[in-house]
Protein backbone atom coordinates (compact mmCIF):
# COMPACT_ATOMS: atom_id res chain seq x y z
CA MET A 1 -23.41 53.42 18.29
CA PRO A 2 -24.48 56.29 20.55
CA ASP A 3 -22.58 56.38 23.83
CA ASP A 4 -25.69 55.75 25.94
CA THR A 5 -26.65 52.60 24.00
CA PRO A 6 -25.71 49.36 25.79
CA ARG A 7 -23.01 47.52 23.90
CA PRO A 8 -23.68 43.95 22.79
CA PRO A 9 -21.66 41.17 24.46
CA ILE A 10 -18.70 39.91 22.45
CA LEU A 11 -16.95 36.54 22.53
CA VAL A 12 -13.31 36.81 21.40
CA VAL A 13 -11.85 33.46 20.29
CA ASP A 14 -8.15 33.03 19.53
CA ASP A 15 -5.53 30.55 20.74
CA ASN A 16 -3.01 33.43 20.88
CA HIS A 17 -3.36 34.97 24.35
CA ASP A 18 -1.72 38.24 23.24
CA ASN A 19 -4.34 38.72 20.53
CA THR A 20 -7.24 38.09 22.89
CA GLU A 21 -5.81 40.43 25.51
CA ILE A 22 -5.24 43.25 23.02
CA ILE A 23 -8.73 42.92 21.50
CA ALA A 24 -10.43 42.53 24.89
CA ARG A 25 -8.74 45.63 26.30
CA TYR A 26 -9.35 47.74 23.20
CA LEU A 27 -13.04 46.89 22.94
CA GLY A 28 -13.56 46.66 26.70
CA VAL A 29 -12.65 50.30 27.27
CA ARG A 30 -15.21 51.14 24.60
CA GLY A 31 -17.93 49.61 26.74
CA TYR A 32 -18.26 46.17 25.21
CA PRO A 33 -18.71 43.27 27.64
CA ILE A 34 -15.97 40.83 26.59
CA THR A 35 -15.59 37.10 27.16
CA VAL A 36 -12.48 35.30 25.92
CA ALA A 37 -11.99 31.72 24.74
CA HIS A 38 -8.71 30.16 23.65
CA SER A 39 -10.01 27.11 21.78
CA GLY A 40 -12.91 26.11 19.61
CA ASP A 41 -14.42 23.80 22.22
CA GLU A 42 -14.14 26.47 24.92
CA ALA A 43 -15.79 28.95 22.55
CA LEU A 44 -18.74 26.63 21.93
CA ALA A 45 -19.24 26.08 25.67
CA LEU A 46 -19.08 29.83 26.39
CA PHE A 47 -21.39 30.53 23.44
CA GLU A 48 -24.17 28.67 25.28
CA GLN A 49 -23.43 30.40 28.61
CA VAL A 50 -22.68 33.98 27.53
CA ARG A 51 -25.03 34.14 24.52
CA PRO A 52 -22.91 36.78 22.75
CA SER A 53 -24.30 38.98 20.01
CA LEU A 54 -20.92 39.19 18.26
CA VAL A 55 -18.11 36.64 17.96
CA LEU A 56 -14.60 37.57 16.85
CA LEU A 57 -13.25 34.21 15.70
CA ASP A 58 -9.79 33.05 14.70
CA VAL A 59 -9.61 30.26 12.12
CA MET A 60 -6.33 28.45 12.77
CA MET A 61 -6.56 26.95 16.25
CA PRO A 62 -5.50 23.54 17.53
CA GLY A 63 -8.34 21.05 17.75
CA ARG A 64 -11.61 22.44 16.45
CA ASP A 65 -10.86 25.19 13.91
CA GLY A 66 -12.74 28.45 13.43
CA TRP A 67 -14.55 27.24 10.31
CA ASP A 68 -16.15 24.42 12.29
CA VAL A 69 -16.90 26.69 15.27
CA CYS A 70 -18.57 29.27 13.01
CA ARG A 71 -20.68 26.62 11.29
CA LEU A 72 -21.83 25.17 14.62
CA MET A 73 -22.64 28.59 16.07
CA LYS A 74 -24.64 29.62 13.02
CA GLN A 75 -26.54 26.30 13.06
CA HIS A 76 -27.56 26.71 16.72
CA PRO A 77 -31.38 26.48 16.79
CA VAL A 78 -31.85 29.55 18.99
CA LEU A 79 -28.66 31.61 19.11
CA GLY A 80 -27.57 31.04 15.51
CA ARG A 81 -30.12 33.40 14.01
CA ARG A 82 -29.07 36.40 16.07
CA VAL A 83 -25.29 36.12 16.35
CA ARG A 84 -22.89 37.89 13.99
CA VAL A 85 -19.52 36.24 13.44
CA ILE A 86 -16.45 38.20 12.35
CA MET A 87 -13.55 36.01 11.29
CA VAL A 88 -10.21 37.46 12.46
CA THR A 89 -7.48 35.48 10.72
CA ALA A 90 -4.11 35.54 9.00
CA LEU A 91 -5.72 33.72 6.07
CA ASP A 92 -6.23 36.34 3.37
CA GLU A 93 -6.71 34.47 0.13
CA TRP A 94 -9.93 34.79 -1.86
CA GLU A 95 -10.71 31.10 -1.18
CA ASP A 96 -10.47 31.72 2.58
CA LYS A 97 -13.00 34.54 2.37
CA ARG A 98 -15.30 32.31 0.33
CA THR A 99 -14.99 29.59 2.96
CA ALA A 100 -15.87 32.15 5.64
CA ILE A 101 -19.08 33.04 3.82
CA GLN A 102 -19.90 29.36 3.25
CA THR A 103 -19.54 28.62 6.98
CA GLY A 104 -21.86 31.52 7.86
CA ALA A 105 -19.43 34.30 8.78
CA ASP A 106 -20.81 37.83 8.54
CA ASP A 107 -17.52 39.72 8.19
CA TYR A 108 -13.78 39.19 7.81
CA VAL A 109 -10.68 40.91 9.23
CA THR A 110 -7.15 39.87 8.32
CA LYS A 111 -4.21 39.70 10.72
CA PRO A 112 -2.21 41.56 11.58
CA PHE A 113 -5.29 43.64 12.33
CA ASP A 114 -5.53 47.38 12.72
CA LEU A 115 -7.38 48.05 15.99
CA PRO A 116 -9.39 51.06 14.75
CA GLN A 117 -10.41 49.07 11.65
CA LEU A 118 -11.39 46.11 13.82
CA ALA A 119 -13.43 48.41 16.09
CA ALA A 120 -15.15 49.89 13.02
CA LYS A 121 -16.14 46.38 11.85
CA VAL A 122 -17.45 45.62 15.34
CA GLU A 123 -19.46 48.87 15.37
CA ARG A 124 -20.90 48.14 11.92
CA ASN A 125 -21.91 44.61 12.85
CA ALA A 126 -23.31 45.76 16.21
CA ALA A 127 -25.46 48.32 14.39
CA LEU A 128 -26.80 45.57 12.13
CA LEU A 129 -28.00 43.65 15.19
CA THR A 130 -30.65 46.28 15.83
CA ALA A 131 -31.47 46.97 12.19
């Protein structure tokens, strides 16, 4: 994205506080407005408030998992059509990627993630928001 283009708001969802802090700092200094959630229920509440354009979503969380959160976000009658969800997870089997697509995810990054690669996926998905 050109430097003068406003960056879309991102919701980062992971129960691991270190992961959310690393991602938030890395993308925050690149101009993205970042909101962090540490559970699926918190993510769904913030989704309504923040109305993010991108969601970076972990799968394995206590309580409501990322698959369920993704499905509910994508089914939202207003916000679901315009949000892009990137699953960020340690699950890297073919079946996991298929499940991500079935729940509505737009992209997939495996942990441990490479920050430049993650940023490139964010940039690509952000560009698709305006396409």
